[in-house]
C-alpha atoms as a PDB file:
ATOM      1  CA  MET A   1       0.527 -13.344  20.335  1.00  0.00           C
ATOM      2  CA  LYS A   2      -1.665 -16.516  19.867  1.00  0.00           C
ATOM      3  CA  ILE A   3      -5.176 -17.468  19.936  1.00  0.00           C
ATOM      4  CA  THR A   4      -6.212 -18.826  23.483  1.00  0.00           C
ATOM      5  CA  GLU A   5      -9.967 -18.908  23.077  1.00  0.00           C
ATOM      6  CA  ALA A   6     -12.583 -18.983  20.356  1.00  0.00           C
ATOM      7  CA  LYS A   7     -16.373 -19.393  20.565  1.00  0.00           C
ATOM      8  CA  PHE A   8     -19.230 -18.901  18.230  1.00  0.00           C
ATOM      9  CA  LEU A   9     -21.222 -15.798  18.749  1.00  0.00           C
ATOM     10  CA  GLN A  10     -24.149 -15.811  16.452  1.00  0.00           C
ATOM     11  CA  SER A  11     -25.259 -16.370  12.874  1.00  0.00           C
ATOM     12  CA  ALA A  12     -26.793 -13.513  10.788  1.00  0.00           C
ATOM     13  CA  GLN A  13     -28.518 -13.117   7.287  1.00  0.00           C
ATOM     14  CA  SER A  14     -27.410  -9.735   6.632  1.00  0.00           C
ATOM     15  CA  ILE A  15     -25.870  -6.547   8.368  1.00  0.00           C
ATOM     16  CA  ALA A  16     -29.200  -5.718   9.763  1.00  0.00           C
ATOM     17  CA  ASP A  17     -29.078  -8.698  12.364  1.00  0.00           C
ATOM     18  CA  SER A  18     -25.406  -8.759  12.657  1.00  0.00           C
ATOM     19  CA  PRO A  19     -23.439  -7.993  15.980  1.00  0.00           C
ATOM     20  CA  THR A  20     -22.859  -4.425  16.921  1.00  0.00           C
ATOM     21  CA  PRO A  21     -19.800  -3.302  14.952  1.00  0.00           C
ATOM     22  CA  ASP A  22     -17.652  -2.674  17.852  1.00  0.00           C
ATOM     23  CA  ARG A  23     -14.726  -5.165  17.344  1.00  0.00           C
ATOM     24  CA  ALA A  24     -12.356  -5.434  14.378  1.00  0.00           C
ATOM     25  CA  GLU A  25     -13.451  -8.307  11.871  1.00  0.00           C
ATOM     26  CA  VAL A  26     -11.651 -10.521   9.703  1.00  0.00           C
ATOM     27  CA  ALA A  27     -13.594 -12.104   6.795  1.00  0.00           C
ATOM     28  CA  PHE A  28     -12.965 -15.628   5.501  1.00  0.00           C
ATOM     29  CA  LEU A  29     -14.346 -16.059   1.973  1.00  0.00           C
ATOM     30  CA  GLY A  30     -13.880 -18.401  -0.673  1.00  0.00           C
ATOM     31  CA  ARG A  31     -15.270 -20.917  -3.285  1.00  0.00           C
ATOM     32  CA  SER A  32     -17.492 -23.642  -1.907  1.00  0.00           C
ATOM     33  CA  ASN A  33     -15.404 -26.529  -0.807  1.00  0.00           C
ATOM     34  CA  VAL A  34     -12.251 -24.653  -0.607  1.00  0.00           C
ATOM     35  CA  GLY A  35     -11.753 -25.827   2.914  1.00  0.00           C
ATOM     36  CA  LYS A  36     -12.769 -22.700   4.776  1.00  0.00           C
ATOM     37  CA  SER A  37     -14.491 -24.367   7.920  1.00  0.00           C
ATOM     38  CA  SER A  38     -11.527 -26.742   8.361  1.00  0.00           C
ATOM     39  CA  LEU A  39      -9.171 -23.818   8.097  1.00  0.00           C
ATOM     40  CA  LEU A  40     -10.956 -21.977  10.927  1.00  0.00           C
ATOM     41  CA  ASN A  41     -11.059 -24.957  13.031  1.00  0.00           C
ATOM     42  CA  THR A  42      -7.309 -25.434  12.658  1.00  0.00           C
ATOM     43  CA  LEU A  43      -6.330 -22.015  13.012  1.00  0.00           C
ATOM     44  CA  THR A  44      -8.326 -21.609  16.291  1.00  0.00           C
ATOM     45  CA  ASN A  45      -7.439 -25.060  17.417  1.00  0.00           C
ATOM     46  CA  ILE A  46     -10.961 -25.937  18.198  1.00  0.00           C
ATOM     47  CA  LYS A  47     -12.285 -29.008  16.391  1.00  0.00           C
ATOM     48  CA  GLY A  48     -15.994 -28.134  15.283  1.00  0.00           C
ATOM     49  CA  LEU A  49     -16.109 -24.595  15.903  1.00  0.00           C
ATOM     50  CA  ALA A  50     -16.986 -23.976  12.368  1.00  0.00           C
ATOM     51  CA  LYS A  51     -19.285 -26.591  10.909  1.00  0.00           C
ATOM     52  CA  SER A  52     -17.774 -28.117   7.677  1.00  0.00           C
ATOM     53  CA  SER A  53     -19.894 -30.092   5.300  1.00  0.00           C
ATOM     54  CA  SER A  54     -19.323 -32.496   2.367  1.00  0.00           C
ATOM     55  CA  THR A  55     -22.172 -30.660   0.645  1.00  0.00           C
ATOM     56  CA  PRO A  56     -20.833 -27.496  -1.062  1.00  0.00           C
ATOM     57  CA  GLY A  57     -22.572 -24.425  -0.374  1.00  0.00           C
ATOM     58  CA  LYS A  58     -24.302 -25.482   2.865  1.00  0.00           C
ATOM     59  CA  THR A  59     -23.102 -22.523   4.896  1.00  0.00           C
ATOM     60  CA  GLN A  60     -25.703 -19.833   3.838  1.00  0.00           C
ATOM     61  CA  LEU A  61     -25.657 -17.398   6.718  1.00  0.00           C
ATOM     62  CA  ILE A  62     -22.856 -15.070   8.087  1.00  0.00           C
ATOM     63  CA  ASN A  63     -21.350 -16.890  11.247  1.00  0.00           C
ATOM     64  CA  TYR A  64     -19.467 -14.563  13.705  1.00  0.00           C
ATOM     65  CA  PHE A  65     -16.868 -16.053  16.085  1.00  0.00           C
ATOM     66  CA  GLU A  66     -15.229 -14.152  19.068  1.00  0.00           C
ATOM     67  CA  ILE A  67     -11.677 -14.643  19.149  1.00  0.00           C
ATOM     68  CA  LYS A  68      -9.379 -13.898  22.204  1.00  0.00           C
ATOM     69  CA  PHE A  69      -5.624 -13.472  21.798  1.00  0.00           C
ATOM     70  CA  LYS A  70      -3.059 -13.655  24.530  1.00  0.00           C
ATOM     71  CA  THR A  71      -0.444 -10.971  24.281  1.00  0.00           C
ATOM     72  CA  VAL A  72       3.027 -10.517  25.771  1.00  0.00           C
ATOM     73  CA  ASP A  73       2.061  -7.201  27.465  1.00  0.00           C
ATOM     74  CA  PRO A  74       1.193  -7.588  31.217  1.00  0.00           C
ATOM     75  CA  GLU A  75      -0.644  -4.439  31.081  1.00  0.00           C
ATOM     76  CA  LEU A  76      -2.854  -5.538  28.280  1.00  0.00           C
ATOM     77  CA  PRO A  77      -2.882  -9.429  28.494  1.00  0.00           C
ATOM     78  CA  TYR A  78      -5.614 -10.015  25.967  1.00  0.00           C
ATOM     79  CA  LEU A  79      -7.043  -8.587  22.800  1.00  0.00           C
ATOM     80  CA  TYR A  80     -10.124  -9.387  20.947  1.00  0.00           C
ATOM     81  CA  ALA A  81     -11.405  -9.574  17.415  1.00  0.00           C
ATOM     82  CA  ARG A  82     -14.230 -11.491  15.450  1.00  0.00           C
ATOM     83  CA  PHE A  83     -13.487 -13.942  12.710  1.00  0.00           C
ATOM     84  CA  VAL A  84     -16.338 -14.091  10.080  1.00  0.00           C
ATOM     85  CA  ASP A  85     -17.190 -17.236   8.068  1.00  0.00           C
ATOM     86  CA  LEU A  86     -18.994 -16.140   5.027  1.00  0.00           C
ATOM     87  CA  PRO A  87     -21.123 -18.369   2.577  1.00  0.00           C
ATOM     88  CA  GLY A  88     -19.047 -19.833   0.024  1.00  0.00           C
ATOM     89  CA  PHE A  89     -19.531 -18.831  -3.672  1.00  0.00           C
ATOM     90  CA  GLY A  90     -20.213 -21.071  -6.669  1.00  0.00           C
ATOM     91  CA  TYR A  91     -21.594 -24.585  -6.590  1.00  0.00           C
ATOM     92  CA  ALA A  92     -24.490 -23.884  -3.980  1.00  0.00           C
ATOM     93  CA  ARG A  93     -27.598 -25.654  -5.106  1.00  0.00           C
ATOM     94  CA  VAL A  94     -30.155 -23.223  -3.584  1.00  0.00           C
ATOM     95  CA  ALA A  95     -33.060 -21.714  -5.370  1.00  0.00           C
ATOM     96  CA  LYS A  96     -32.197 -18.845  -7.683  1.00  0.00           C
ATOM     97  CA  SER A  97     -34.398 -16.336  -5.567  1.00  0.00           C
ATOM     98  CA  LEU A  98     -32.549 -17.437  -2.311  1.00  0.00           C
ATOM     99  CA  LYS A  99     -29.170 -17.344  -3.959  1.00  0.00           C
ATOM    100  CA  ALA A 100     -29.870 -13.758  -5.298  1.00  0.00           C
ATOM    101  CA  GLU A 101     -30.759 -12.667  -1.861  1.00  0.00           C
ATOM    102  CA  TRP A 102     -27.751 -14.387  -0.404  1.00  0.00           C
ATOM    103  CA  ASN A 103     -25.434 -12.761  -2.745  1.00  0.00           C
ATOM    104  CA  ARG A 104     -26.929  -9.241  -2.063  1.00  0.00           C
ATOM    105  CA  ASN A 105     -26.390  -9.771   1.649  1.00  0.00           C
ATOM    106  CA  LEU A 106     -22.813 -11.018   1.153  1.00  0.00           C
ATOM    107  CA  THR A 107     -21.844  -8.107  -0.936  1.00  0.00           C
ATOM    108  CA  ALA A 108     -23.434  -5.520   1.480  1.00  0.00           C
ATOM    109  CA  TYR A 109     -21.400  -7.109   4.127  1.00  0.00           C
ATOM    110  CA  LEU A 110     -18.299  -6.860   2.346  1.00  0.00           C
ATOM    111  CA  GLU A 111     -18.804  -3.187   1.172  1.00  0.00           C
ATOM    112  CA  LEU A 112     -20.490  -1.617   4.002  1.00  0.00           C
ATOM    113  CA  ARG A 113     -19.345  -3.300   7.233  1.00  0.00           C
ATOM    114  CA  PRO A 114     -17.629  -0.500   8.933  1.00  0.00           C
ATOM    115  CA  ASN A 115     -15.375  -2.627  11.178  1.00  0.00           C
ATOM    116  CA  LEU A 116     -14.200  -5.157   8.634  1.00  0.00           C
ATOM    117  CA  GLN A 117     -10.462  -4.849   8.499  1.00  0.00           C
ATOM    118  CA  ILE A 118      -9.186  -7.999   6.672  1.00  0.00           C
ATOM    119  CA  PHE A 119     -10.438 -10.078   3.803  1.00  0.00           C
ATOM    120  CA  VAL A 120      -8.880 -13.470   3.792  1.00  0.00           C
ATOM    121  CA  HIS A 121      -9.535 -14.935   0.119  1.00  0.00           C
ATOM    122  CA  LEU A 122      -8.945 -18.593   0.298  1.00  0.00           C
ATOM    123  CA  ILE A 123      -8.034 -20.366  -2.996  1.00  0.00           C
ATOM    124  CA  ASP A 124      -7.565 -23.898  -3.718  1.00  0.00           C
ATOM    125  CA  SER A 125      -3.941 -24.147  -4.485  1.00  0.00           C
ATOM    126  CA  ARG A 126      -4.679 -26.951  -7.195  1.00  0.00           C
ATOM    127  CA  HIS A 127      -6.918 -24.327  -9.211  1.00  0.00           C
ATOM    128  CA  PRO A 128      -5.329 -20.833  -8.634  1.00  0.00           C
ATOM    129  CA  LEU A 129      -6.549 -19.162 -11.708  1.00  0.00           C
ATOM    130  CA  LEU A 130     -10.190 -19.924 -12.019  1.00  0.00           C
ATOM    131  CA  ASP A 131     -12.397 -17.072 -13.301  1.00  0.00           C
ATOM    132  CA  ILE A 132     -14.606 -17.001 -10.212  1.00  0.00           C
ATOM    133  CA  ASP A 133     -11.397 -16.333  -7.999  1.00  0.00           C
ATOM    134  CA  LYS A 134     -10.008 -13.819 -10.453  1.00  0.00           C
ATOM    135  CA  ASN A 135     -13.521 -12.043 -10.292  1.00  0.00           C
ATOM    136  CA  VAL A 136     -13.727 -12.059  -6.462  1.00  0.00           C
ATOM    137  CA  ASP A 137      -9.986 -10.636  -6.217  1.00  0.00           C
ATOM    138  CA  GLU A 138     -11.092  -7.816  -8.605  1.00  0.00           C
ATOM    139  CA  PHE A 139     -14.120  -7.078  -6.652  1.00  0.00           C
ATOM    140  CA  LEU A 140     -12.381  -6.886  -3.406  1.00  0.00           C
ATOM    141  CA  ARG A 141      -9.743  -4.554  -4.797  1.00  0.00           C
ATOM    142  CA  THR A 142     -12.410  -2.400  -6.052  1.00  0.00           C
ATOM    143  CA  ILE A 143     -14.287  -1.926  -2.756  1.00  0.00           C
ATOM    144  CA  LYS A 144     -11.095  -2.147  -0.326  1.00  0.00           C
ATOM    145  CA  ARG A 145     -10.967   0.897   1.847  1.00  0.00           C
ATOM    146  CA  GLY A 146      -7.555   2.395   2.897  1.00  0.00           C
ATOM    147  CA  ASP A 147      -7.840   0.806   6.302  1.00  0.00           C
ATOM    148  CA  GLN A 148      -8.331  -2.676   4.866  1.00  0.00           C
ATOM    149  CA  ILE A 149      -5.961  -5.387   3.505  1.00  0.00           C
ATOM    150  CA  ILE A 150      -6.716  -8.448   1.555  1.00  0.00           C
ATOM    151  CA  ILE A 151      -4.721 -11.823   2.341  1.00  0.00           C
ATOM    152  CA  GLN A 152      -4.539 -14.482  -0.442  1.00  0.00           C
ATOM    153  CA  ALA A 153      -4.316 -17.762   1.265  1.00  0.00           C
ATOM    154  CA  PHE A 154      -3.893 -20.889  -0.736  1.00  0.00           C
ATOM    155  CA  THR A 155      -5.294 -23.999   0.845  1.00  0.00           C
ATOM    156  CA  LYS A 156      -4.814 -27.758   0.194  1.00  0.00           C
ATOM    157  CA  THR A 157      -1.081 -27.409  -0.494  1.00  0.00           C
ATOM    158  CA  ASP A 158      -0.181 -30.778   0.739  1.00  0.00           C
ATOM    159  CA  LYS A 159      -2.051 -32.098  -2.401  1.00  0.00           C
ATOM    160  CA  LEU A 160       0.562 -30.231  -4.767  1.00  0.00           C
ATOM    161  CA  LYS A 161       3.691 -31.517  -5.790  1.00  0.00           C
ATOM    162  CA  ARG A 162       6.821 -29.886  -4.583  1.00  0.00           C
ATOM    163  CA  ASN A 163       7.703 -28.345  -7.892  1.00  0.00           C
ATOM    164  CA  ASP A 164       4.139 -26.916  -8.337  1.00  0.00           C
ATOM    165  CA  LEU A 165       3.956 -25.461  -4.769  1.00  0.00           C
ATOM    166  CA  ALA A 166       7.448 -23.694  -5.471  1.00  0.00           C
ATOM    167  CA  LYS A 167       6.069 -22.477  -8.566  1.00  0.00           C
ATOM    168  CA  LEU A 168       2.753 -21.068  -6.811  1.00  0.00           C
ATOM    169  CA  LYS A 169       5.006 -19.254  -4.257  1.00  0.00           C
ATOM    170  CA  ARG A 170       6.958 -17.487  -6.995  1.00  0.00           C
ATOM    171  CA  GLN A 171       3.637 -16.491  -8.661  1.00  0.00           C
ATOM    172  CA  TYR A 172       2.065 -15.127  -5.431  1.00  0.00           C
ATOM    173  CA  PRO A 173       5.196 -13.885  -3.041  1.00  0.00           C
ATOM    174  CA  GLU A 174       2.630 -12.299  -0.799  1.00  0.00           C
ATOM    175  CA  GLY A 175       0.394 -15.319  -0.506  1.00  0.00           C
ATOM    176  CA  ILE A 176       0.047 -17.595   2.482  1.00  0.00           C
ATOM    177  CA  PHE A 177       0.262 -21.577   1.722  1.00  0.00           C
ATOM    178  CA  ILE A 178      -1.683 -23.683   4.005  1.00  0.00           C
ATOM    179  CA  SER A 179      -2.063 -27.331   4.547  1.00  0.00           C
ATOM    180  CA  ASN A 180      -4.791 -28.237   7.257  1.00  0.00           C
ATOM    181  CA  LEU A 181      -3.366 -31.785   7.342  1.00  0.00           C
ATOM    182  CA  LYS A 182       0.111 -30.692   8.452  1.00  0.00           C
ATOM    183  CA  LYS A 183      -1.019 -27.145   9.800  1.00  0.00           C
ATOM    184  CA  ASP A 184       1.500 -25.576   7.400  1.00  0.00           C
ATOM    185  CA  GLY A 185       0.993 -21.846   7.112  1.00  0.00           C
ATOM    186  CA  MET A 186      -1.310 -21.456  10.017  1.00  0.00           C
ATOM    187  CA  MET A 187       1.166 -19.445  12.270  1.00  0.00           C
ATOM    188  CA  ASP A 188       1.902 -17.340   9.069  1.00  0.00           C
ATOM    189  CA  LEU A 189      -1.771 -16.589   8.773  1.00  0.00           C
ATOM    190  CA  GLN A 190      -2.296 -15.853  12.436  1.00  0.00           C
ATOM    191  CA  ASN A 191       0.811 -13.531  12.437  1.00  0.00           C
ATOM    192  CA  ARG A 192      -0.276 -11.594   9.326  1.00  0.00           C
ATOM    193  CA  ILE A 193      -3.775 -11.238  10.885  1.00  0.00           C
ATOM    194  CA  THR A 194      -2.477 -10.064  14.343  1.00  0.00           C
ATOM    195  CA  GLY A 195       0.263  -7.773  12.958  1.00  0.00           C
ATOM    196  CA  TYR A 196      -2.278  -5.745  10.922  1.00  0.00           C
ATOM    197  CA  LEU A 197      -5.000  -5.611  13.498  1.00  0.00           C
ATOM    198  CA  PHE A 198      -2.921  -4.804  16.442  1.00  0.00           C
ATOM    199  CA  GLY A 199       0.466  -3.913  15.136  1.00  0.00           C
ATOM    200  CA  HIS A 200      -0.207  -0.991  12.808  1.00  0.00           C
END
């Protein structure tokens, strides 16, 4: 199964103006500047699908993308899901009142969205033990329903020495290890997502 089409659907400030929850959703979340937009563009093989920025914290809306998967079943040749690009946490240079509202909307989406199936927590492989990522992981495990999973995906692995990458893989045996430059880990991530959405 592979992604054959991906398109931007809409942006939303909160659940209230989000699309109807009629498709399974995969939320991508991580620290600002973790490489989330680049990962989405590489994963879908569409340059510029998700807008990346050199300014951390620029993505302040919940961005929805419609994803079309090609299957090997002639009776059901295509399956659909949504990828959801969430605002990055940390570093954002926005007014305190805006940041508070933004955090409330983000938390509400993660806790209350009924069709959210997978949390993809992106972690910079060079800094895997930051408190902010530990706190996010703990929060996700606290709110996770029985029908949801968390995938830890470590980005920018091309910037690690071979020994450091091997050590990280031992520390996180269930993790997925990604390099946008080499496209390493992309198929692993796609297979983990489709296996859970459509295979269980």
